[in-house]
Amino acid sequence: MSIADHSVVDADHWRQARTAFLEREKAFTRERDALSEARRELPWLEITEDYRFDAPEGELGLGDLFGDHSQLLLYHFMMGPDWAEGCPSCSFWADNYNGTQVHLAHRDTALAVVSRTSVDNIEAYRQRMGWDFRWVSSLNSSFNFDMGVSFTPEQVASGEPLYNYGTIAFGGEEAPGLSTFIRDDEGRIYLTYQTFARGLDMLNGTYHHLDLMAKGRDEDNLDWSMQWLHRHDAYPD
């Protein structure tokens, strides 16, 4: 609907419509709370593989990414071995992470980002973007493949729906995702949740803000949803 075609009413009718819609929003909030509770009740998967990551300070294990916390929030950032830059859409998501680490830490949660590229590539791009969150390399391990966010050229060429629990045939070797982990008092690590594709929407504050606007995300007339998107230092203006 264009701006010219949208209904315009007086203050009483505006408030009446908004109050009626508030009931739908409240129902959605209650359902979201129930969904979050059910998510926390999902079974866990123990991680027994000794995954190793490369970082500026040296080699790290998965347990090292927790720091002093019992929980780890890990974003799988699309940046392949030979990529000169990180994925624009993953960069859009990562712009939401700076400044959140201290708040997550006070709820016993560490934040980290992982990509299947070299530490040098990661550090060059991280510094360019001005991000300060921990970002490690899984280039020399099977971690990304095991987590369902990296695929071999043969897997991509097969067209098999291997992404998002076998529901999507991803068109490239690197895909985005989020994995969450918890560590018990004995140091055992468990995968507690994963989400991919539109499940990552919850991490993007900009999209949530745009969803409140009259034009929404304003992507309906584009060739693809994020055709408008640039890295934050690369918009033409």
C-alpha atoms as a PDB file:
ATOM      1  CA  MET A   1       0.000   0.000   0.000  1.00  0.00           C
ATOM      2  CA  SER A   2       1.343   3.429  -0.953  1.00  0.00           C
ATOM      3  CA  ILE A   3       1.358   6.408   1.397  1.00  0.00           C
ATOM      4  CA  ALA A   4      -1.294   8.093  -0.748  1.00  0.00           C
ATOM      5  CA  ASP A   5      -3.648   5.109  -0.421  1.00  0.00           C
ATOM      6  CA  HIS A   6      -3.321   4.576   3.341  1.00  0.00           C
ATOM      7  CA  SER A   7      -6.313   5.300   5.566  1.00  0.00           C
ATOM      8  CA  VAL A   8      -6.154   8.425   7.730  1.00  0.00           C
ATOM      9  CA  VAL A   9      -8.553   8.852  10.675  1.00  0.00           C
ATOM     10  CA  ASP A  10      -9.180  11.174  13.602  1.00  0.00           C
ATOM     11  CA  ALA A  11      -7.503  10.706  16.996  1.00  0.00           C
ATOM     12  CA  ASP A  12     -10.363   8.680  18.532  1.00  0.00           C
ATOM     13  CA  HIS A  13     -10.442   6.182  15.674  1.00  0.00           C
ATOM     14  CA  TRP A  14      -6.617   5.990  15.630  1.00  0.00           C
ATOM     15  CA  ARG A  15      -6.567   5.104  19.330  1.00  0.00           C
ATOM     16  CA  GLN A  16      -9.402   2.591  18.889  1.00  0.00           C
ATOM     17  CA  ALA A  17      -7.533   0.780  16.094  1.00  0.00           C
ATOM     18  CA  ARG A  18      -4.257   0.872  17.982  1.00  0.00           C
ATOM     19  CA  THR A  19      -5.850  -0.475  21.183  1.00  0.00           C
ATOM     20  CA  ALA A  20      -7.469  -3.342  19.268  1.00  0.00           C
ATOM     21  CA  PHE A  21      -4.120  -4.208  17.704  1.00  0.00           C
ATOM     22  CA  LEU A  22      -2.510  -4.149  21.172  1.00  0.00           C
ATOM     23  CA  GLU A  23      -4.473  -7.286  22.024  1.00  0.00           C
ATOM     24  CA  ARG A  24      -2.845  -9.121  19.117  1.00  0.00           C
ATOM     25  CA  GLU A  25       0.568  -7.884  20.237  1.00  0.00           C
ATOM     26  CA  LYS A  26      -0.033  -9.107  23.770  1.00  0.00           C
ATOM     27  CA  ALA A  27      -1.096 -12.519  22.463  1.00  0.00           C
ATOM     28  CA  PHE A  28       2.078 -12.652  20.361  1.00  0.00           C
ATOM     29  CA  THR A  29       4.205 -11.740  23.391  1.00  0.00           C
ATOM     30  CA  ARG A  30       2.600 -14.490  25.460  1.00  0.00           C
ATOM     31  CA  GLU A  31       3.150 -17.008  22.657  1.00  0.00           C
ATOM     32  CA  ARG A  32       6.760 -15.859  22.251  1.00  0.00           C
ATOM     33  CA  ASP A  33       7.344 -16.342  25.992  1.00  0.00           C
ATOM     34  CA  ALA A  34       5.847 -19.832  25.760  1.00  0.00           C
ATOM     35  CA  LEU A  35       8.021 -20.640  22.736  1.00  0.00           C
ATOM     36  CA  SER A  36      11.127 -19.439  24.585  1.00  0.00           C
ATOM     37  CA  GLU A  37      10.251 -21.623  27.562  1.00  0.00           C
ATOM     38  CA  ALA A  38       9.766 -24.638  25.275  1.00  0.00           C
ATOM     39  CA  ARG A  39      13.092 -23.868  23.589  1.00  0.00           C
ATOM     40  CA  ARG A  40      14.848 -24.025  26.960  1.00  0.00           C
ATOM     41  CA  GLU A  41      13.306 -27.441  27.566  1.00  0.00           C
ATOM     42  CA  LEU A  42      14.744 -28.966  24.373  1.00  0.00           C
ATOM     43  CA  PRO A  43      17.237 -31.815  24.935  1.00  0.00           C
ATOM     44  CA  TRP A  44      20.959 -31.088  24.733  1.00  0.00           C
ATOM     45  CA  LEU A  45      23.716 -32.710  22.681  1.00  0.00           C
ATOM     46  CA  GLU A  46      27.060 -33.323  24.384  1.00  0.00           C
ATOM     47  CA  ILE A  47      30.030 -32.087  22.354  1.00  0.00           C
ATOM     48  CA  THR A  48      32.791 -34.663  22.659  1.00  0.00           C
ATOM     49  CA  GLU A  49      34.984 -33.508  19.760  1.00  0.00           C
ATOM     50  CA  ASP A  50      38.014 -31.460  20.836  1.00  0.00           C
ATOM     51  CA  TYR A  51      37.459 -28.576  18.438  1.00  0.00           C
ATOM     52  CA  ARG A  52      40.384 -26.172  18.097  1.00  0.00           C
ATOM     53  CA  PHE A  53      40.222 -22.581  16.918  1.00  0.00           C
ATOM     54  CA  ASP A  54      42.858 -20.077  15.883  1.00  0.00           C
ATOM     55  CA  ALA A  55      42.803 -16.642  17.502  1.00  0.00           C
ATOM     56  CA  PRO A  56      45.223 -13.706  17.737  1.00  0.00           C
ATOM     57  CA  GLU A  57      46.352 -14.986  21.153  1.00  0.00           C
ATOM     58  CA  GLY A  58      46.968 -18.519  19.850  1.00  0.00           C
ATOM     59  CA  GLU A  59      45.076 -21.805  19.655  1.00  0.00           C
ATOM     60  CA  LEU A  60      41.891 -22.081  21.706  1.00  0.00           C
ATOM     61  CA  GLY A  61      39.486 -24.878  22.522  1.00  0.00           C
ATOM     62  CA  LEU A  62      35.722 -24.542  22.489  1.00  0.00           C
ATOM     63  CA  GLY A  63      35.784 -24.313  26.284  1.00  0.00           C
ATOM     64  CA  ASP A  64      38.115 -21.309  26.122  1.00  0.00           C
ATOM     65  CA  LEU A  65      35.451 -19.306  24.295  1.00  0.00           C
ATOM     66  CA  PHE A  66      33.263 -19.444  27.415  1.00  0.00           C
ATOM     67  CA  GLY A  67      35.740 -17.481  29.512  1.00  0.00           C
ATOM     68  CA  ASP A  68      34.453 -17.520  33.085  1.00  0.00           C
ATOM     69  CA  HIS A  69      30.866 -18.122  32.006  1.00  0.00           C
ATOM     70  CA  SER A  70      28.771 -21.261  31.749  1.00  0.00           C
ATOM     71  CA  GLN A  71      27.006 -20.245  28.522  1.00  0.00           C
ATOM     72  CA  LEU A  72      28.288 -19.404  25.042  1.00  0.00           C
ATOM     73  CA  LEU A  73      26.446 -17.634  22.236  1.00  0.00           C
ATOM     74  CA  LEU A  74      28.295 -18.357  18.986  1.00  0.00           C
ATOM     75  CA  TYR A  75      27.459 -16.702  15.659  1.00  0.00           C
ATOM     76  CA  HIS A  76      28.628 -18.418  12.469  1.00  0.00           C
ATOM     77  CA  PHE A  77      29.814 -15.571  10.238  1.00  0.00           C
ATOM     78  CA  MET A  78      30.058 -16.199   6.496  1.00  0.00           C
ATOM     79  CA  MET A  79      33.677 -15.603   5.484  1.00  0.00           C
ATOM     80  CA  GLY A  80      35.325 -18.298   3.412  1.00  0.00           C
ATOM     81  CA  PRO A  81      39.036 -19.099   3.189  1.00  0.00           C
ATOM     82  CA  ASP A  82      39.666 -16.947   0.089  1.00  0.00           C
ATOM     83  CA  TRP A  83      37.209 -14.132   0.779  1.00  0.00           C
ATOM     84  CA  ALA A  84      38.648 -10.611   0.872  1.00  0.00           C
ATOM     85  CA  GLU A  85      35.665  -9.351   2.905  1.00  0.00           C
ATOM     86  CA  GLY A  86      33.053 -10.780   5.202  1.00  0.00           C
ATOM     87  CA  CYS A  87      29.512 -11.372   3.984  1.00  0.00           C
ATOM     88  CA  PRO A  88      27.495  -8.101   3.808  1.00  0.00           C
ATOM     89  CA  SER A  89      24.424  -9.625   5.471  1.00  0.00           C
ATOM     90  CA  CYS A  90      26.491 -11.230   8.254  1.00  0.00           C
ATOM     91  CA  SER A  91      28.157  -7.835   8.675  1.00  0.00           C
ATOM     92  CA  PHE A  92      24.674  -6.304   9.011  1.00  0.00           C
ATOM     93  CA  TRP A  93      23.935  -8.760  11.800  1.00  0.00           C
ATOM     94  CA  ALA A  94      27.346  -8.296  13.447  1.00  0.00           C
ATOM     95  CA  ASP A  95      26.773  -4.540  13.712  1.00  0.00           C
ATOM     96  CA  ASN A  96      24.296  -5.459  16.455  1.00  0.00           C
ATOM     97  CA  TYR A  97      26.882  -7.190  18.670  1.00  0.00           C
ATOM     98  CA  ASN A  98      29.240  -4.402  19.736  1.00  0.00           C
ATOM     99  CA  GLY A  99      28.402  -3.264  23.242  1.00  0.00           C
ATOM    100  CA  THR A 100      26.294  -6.306  24.091  1.00  0.00           C
ATOM    101  CA  GLN A 101      29.109  -8.394  25.560  1.00  0.00           C
ATOM    102  CA  VAL A 102      29.095  -6.686  28.947  1.00  0.00           C
ATOM    103  CA  HIS A 103      25.338  -7.170  29.318  1.00  0.00           C
ATOM    104  CA  LEU A 104      25.490 -10.823  28.259  1.00  0.00           C
ATOM    105  CA  ALA A 105      28.369 -11.390  30.682  1.00  0.00           C
ATOM    106  CA  HIS A 106      26.168 -10.259  33.544  1.00  0.00           C
ATOM    107  CA  ARG A 107      23.777 -13.056  32.629  1.00  0.00           C
ATOM    108  CA  ASP A 108      26.587 -15.648  32.616  1.00  0.00           C
ATOM    109  CA  THR A 109      26.928 -15.666  28.814  1.00  0.00           C
ATOM    110  CA  ALA A 110      29.920 -15.157  26.520  1.00  0.00           C
ATOM    111  CA  LEU A 111      29.603 -13.985  22.922  1.00  0.00           C
ATOM    112  CA  ALA A 112      31.912 -15.100  20.120  1.00  0.00           C
ATOM    113  CA  VAL A 113      31.909 -15.199  16.327  1.00  0.00           C
ATOM    114  CA  VAL A 114      33.504 -17.925  14.210  1.00  0.00           C
ATOM    115  CA  SER A 115      34.410 -18.115  10.508  1.00  0.00           C
ATOM    116  CA  ARG A 116      36.163 -20.594   8.246  1.00  0.00           C
ATOM    117  CA  THR A 117      38.954 -18.246   7.191  1.00  0.00           C
ATOM    118  CA  SER A 118      42.356 -17.254   8.526  1.00  0.00           C
ATOM    119  CA  VAL A 119      42.977 -15.172  11.632  1.00  0.00           C
ATOM    120  CA  ASP A 120      44.715 -12.556   9.490  1.00  0.00           C
ATOM    121  CA  ASN A 121      41.624 -12.191   7.275  1.00  0.00           C
ATOM    122  CA  ILE A 122      39.380 -11.974  10.312  1.00  0.00           C
ATOM    123  CA  GLU A 123      41.495  -9.386  12.100  1.00  0.00           C
ATOM    124  CA  ALA A 124      41.848  -7.165   9.036  1.00  0.00           C
ATOM    125  CA  TYR A 125      38.106  -7.152   8.460  1.00  0.00           C
ATOM    126  CA  ARG A 126      37.189  -6.841  12.150  1.00  0.00           C
ATOM    127  CA  GLN A 127      39.417  -3.784  12.506  1.00  0.00           C
ATOM    128  CA  ARG A 128      38.007  -2.260   9.338  1.00  0.00           C
ATOM    129  CA  MET A 129      34.473  -2.674  10.682  1.00  0.00           C
ATOM    130  CA  GLY A 130      35.389  -1.376  14.163  1.00  0.00           C
ATOM    131  CA  TRP A 131      34.069  -4.433  16.007  1.00  0.00           C
ATOM    132  CA  ASP A 132      35.476  -5.485  19.379  1.00  0.00           C
ATOM    133  CA  PHE A 133      33.808  -8.872  19.964  1.00  0.00           C
ATOM    134  CA  ARG A 134      35.840 -12.102  20.005  1.00  0.00           C
ATOM    135  CA  TRP A 135      36.131 -13.620  16.539  1.00  0.00           C
ATOM    136  CA  VAL A 136      37.969 -16.892  15.953  1.00  0.00           C
ATOM    137  CA  SER A 137      38.928 -19.061  13.004  1.00  0.00           C
ATOM    138  CA  SER A 138      37.695 -22.615  12.419  1.00  0.00           C
ATOM    139  CA  LEU A 139      39.661 -22.931   9.176  1.00  0.00           C
ATOM    140  CA  ASN A 140      41.696 -25.898  10.413  1.00  0.00           C
ATOM    141  CA  SER A 141      38.850 -27.869  11.964  1.00  0.00           C
ATOM    142  CA  SER A 142      35.608 -29.549  10.948  1.00  0.00           C
ATOM    143  CA  PHE A 143      33.598 -27.361  13.320  1.00  0.00           C
ATOM    144  CA  ASN A 144      31.629 -25.356  10.732  1.00  0.00           C
ATOM    145  CA  PHE A 145      30.821 -28.482   8.729  1.00  0.00           C
ATOM    146  CA  ASP A 146      29.673 -30.319  11.854  1.00  0.00           C
ATOM    147  CA  MET A 147      27.530 -27.344  12.880  1.00  0.00           C
ATOM    148  CA  GLY A 148      25.757 -27.336   9.499  1.00  0.00           C
ATOM    149  CA  VAL A 149      27.009 -23.979   8.200  1.00  0.00           C
ATOM    150  CA  SER A 150      29.813 -24.991   5.811  1.00  0.00           C
ATOM    151  CA  PHE A 151      29.484 -27.284   2.810  1.00  0.00           C
ATOM    152  CA  THR A 152      31.880 -28.892   0.370  1.00  0.00           C
ATOM    153  CA  PRO A 153      31.763 -27.876  -3.328  1.00  0.00           C
ATOM    154  CA  GLU A 154      30.301 -31.312  -4.060  1.00  0.00           C
ATOM    155  CA  GLN A 155      27.510 -30.793  -1.521  1.00  0.00           C
ATOM    156  CA  VAL A 156      26.639 -27.399  -2.999  1.00  0.00           C
ATOM    157  CA  ALA A 157      26.662 -28.804  -6.550  1.00  0.00           C
ATOM    158  CA  SER A 158      24.340 -31.642  -5.539  1.00  0.00           C
ATOM    159  CA  GLY A 159      21.510 -29.241  -4.816  1.00  0.00           C
ATOM    160  CA  GLU A 160      20.572 -31.308  -1.775  1.00  0.00           C
ATOM    161  CA  PRO A 161      18.657 -29.417   0.955  1.00  0.00           C
ATOM    162  CA  LEU A 162      21.366 -29.669   3.606  1.00  0.00           C
ATOM    163  CA  TYR A 163      20.885 -26.302   5.345  1.00  0.00           C
ATOM    164  CA  ASN A 164      18.442 -25.477   8.127  1.00  0.00           C
ATOM    165  CA  TYR A 165      17.799 -29.107   9.111  1.00  0.00           C
ATOM    166  CA  GLY A 166      17.436 -30.325   5.552  1.00  0.00           C
ATOM    167  CA  THR A 167      14.877 -27.734   4.452  1.00  0.00           C
ATOM    168  CA  ILE A 168      17.037 -25.482   2.237  1.00  0.00           C
ATOM    169  CA  ALA A 169      19.593 -26.122  -0.512  1.00  0.00           C
ATOM    170  CA  PHE A 170      22.055 -23.334   0.252  1.00  0.00           C
ATOM    171  CA  GLY A 171      23.731 -21.807  -2.803  1.00  0.00           C
ATOM    172  CA  GLY A 172      27.228 -21.403  -1.381  1.00  0.00           C
ATOM    173  CA  GLU A 173      29.860 -23.102   0.725  1.00  0.00           C
ATOM    174  CA  GLU A 174      29.374 -20.825   3.745  1.00  0.00           C
ATOM    175  CA  ALA A 175      26.056 -20.153   5.501  1.00  0.00           C
ATOM    176  CA  PRO A 176      25.016 -18.148   8.573  1.00  0.00           C
ATOM    177  CA  GLY A 177      23.802 -19.605  11.825  1.00  0.00           C
ATOM    178  CA  LEU A 178      23.726 -19.349  15.589  1.00  0.00           C
ATOM    179  CA  SER A 179      24.738 -22.062  18.043  1.00  0.00           C
ATOM    180  CA  THR A 180      24.321 -21.896  21.815  1.00  0.00           C
ATOM    181  CA  PHE A 181      26.204 -23.984  24.346  1.00  0.00           C
ATOM    182  CA  ILE A 182      26.302 -24.599  28.077  1.00  0.00           C
ATOM    183  CA  ARG A 183      29.162 -25.983  30.199  1.00  0.00           C
ATOM    184  CA  ASP A 184      28.612 -27.943  33.400  1.00  0.00           C
ATOM    185  CA  ASP A 185      30.727 -27.900  36.569  1.00  0.00           C
ATOM    186  CA  GLU A 186      32.841 -30.809  35.276  1.00  0.00           C
ATOM    187  CA  GLY A 187      33.669 -28.953  32.065  1.00  0.00           C
ATOM    188  CA  ARG A 188      31.403 -30.963  29.763  1.00  0.00           C
ATOM    189  CA  ILE A 189      29.973 -28.881  26.932  1.00  0.00           C
ATOM    190  CA  TYR A 190      26.503 -29.292  25.442  1.00  0.00           C
ATOM    191  CA  LEU A 191      24.907 -27.859  22.311  1.00  0.00           C
ATOM    192  CA  THR A 192      21.589 -26.479  23.557  1.00  0.00           C
ATOM    193  CA  TYR A 193      20.116 -24.771  20.480  1.00  0.00           C
ATOM    194  CA  GLN A 194      20.790 -23.801  16.884  1.00  0.00           C
ATOM    195  CA  THR A 195      18.961 -21.571  14.450  1.00  0.00           C
ATOM    196  CA  PHE A 196      19.471 -20.631  10.799  1.00  0.00           C
ATOM    197  CA  ALA A 197      17.884 -18.618   7.974  1.00  0.00           C
ATOM    198  CA  ARG A 198      14.899 -16.537   9.195  1.00  0.00           C
ATOM    199  CA  GLY A 199      15.502 -17.847  12.695  1.00  0.00           C
ATOM    200  CA  LEU A 200      18.368 -15.347  12.844  1.00  0.00           C
ATOM    201  CA  ASP A 201      15.960 -12.399  12.533  1.00  0.00           C
ATOM    202  CA  MET A 202      15.782 -12.178  16.323  1.00  0.00           C
ATOM    203  CA  LEU A 203      19.432 -11.041  16.387  1.00  0.00           C
ATOM    204  CA  ASN A 204      18.992  -8.037  14.094  1.00  0.00           C
ATOM    205  CA  GLY A 205      17.883  -4.893  15.904  1.00  0.00           C
ATOM    206  CA  THR A 206      17.737  -2.798  12.731  1.00  0.00           C
ATOM    207  CA  TYR A 207      15.170  -5.096  11.161  1.00  0.00           C
ATOM    208  CA  HIS A 208      13.105  -5.062  14.360  1.00  0.00           C
ATOM    209  CA  HIS A 209      13.107  -1.272  14.328  1.00  0.00           C
ATOM    210  CA  LEU A 210      12.126  -1.189  10.645  1.00  0.00           C
ATOM    211  CA  ASP A 211       9.279  -3.613  11.346  1.00  0.00           C
ATOM    212  CA  LEU A 212       7.756  -0.857  13.517  1.00  0.00           C
ATOM    213  CA  MET A 213       7.814   1.691  10.710  1.00  0.00           C
ATOM    214  CA  ALA A 214       5.017   2.491   8.259  1.00  0.00           C
ATOM    215  CA  LYS A 215       7.076   1.194   5.320  1.00  0.00           C
ATOM    216  CA  GLY A 216       8.335  -1.852   7.218  1.00  0.00           C
ATOM    217  CA  ARG A 217      11.512  -3.331   5.718  1.00  0.00           C
ATOM    218  CA  ASP A 218      10.499  -1.829   2.373  1.00  0.00           C
ATOM    219  CA  GLU A 219      11.996  -4.723   0.400  1.00  0.00           C
ATOM    220  CA  ASP A 220       8.989  -5.988  -1.575  1.00  0.00           C
ATOM    221  CA  ASN A 221       9.989  -4.335  -4.858  1.00  0.00           C
ATOM    222  CA  LEU A 222      13.632  -5.427  -4.761  1.00  0.00           C
ATOM    223  CA  ASP A 223      15.043  -8.357  -6.717  1.00  0.00           C
ATOM    224  CA  TRP A 224      15.993  -9.973  -3.391  1.00  0.00           C
ATOM    225  CA  SER A 225      15.331  -8.989   0.193  1.00  0.00           C
ATOM    226  CA  MET A 226      18.668  -7.366   1.064  1.00  0.00           C
ATOM    227  CA  GLN A 227      19.524  -5.926  -2.328  1.00  0.00           C
ATOM    228  CA  TRP A 228      19.702  -2.480  -0.721  1.00  0.00           C
ATOM    229  CA  LEU A 229      22.250  -3.547   1.890  1.00  0.00           C
ATOM    230  CA  HIS A 230      25.889  -2.427   2.035  1.00  0.00           C
ATOM    231  CA  ARG A 231      28.551  -2.867   4.678  1.00  0.00           C
ATOM    232  CA  HIS A 232      28.270   0.075   7.051  1.00  0.00           C
ATOM    233  CA  ASP A 233      31.358   1.785   5.570  1.00  0.00           C
ATOM    234  CA  ALA A 234      30.384   1.194   1.941  1.00  0.00           C
ATOM    235  CA  TYR A 235      27.063   2.984   1.331  1.00  0.00           C
ATOM    236  CA  PRO A 236      27.414   5.237  -1.741  1.00  0.00           C
ATOM    237  CA  ASP A 237      26.425   8.354   0.222  1.00  0.00           C
END
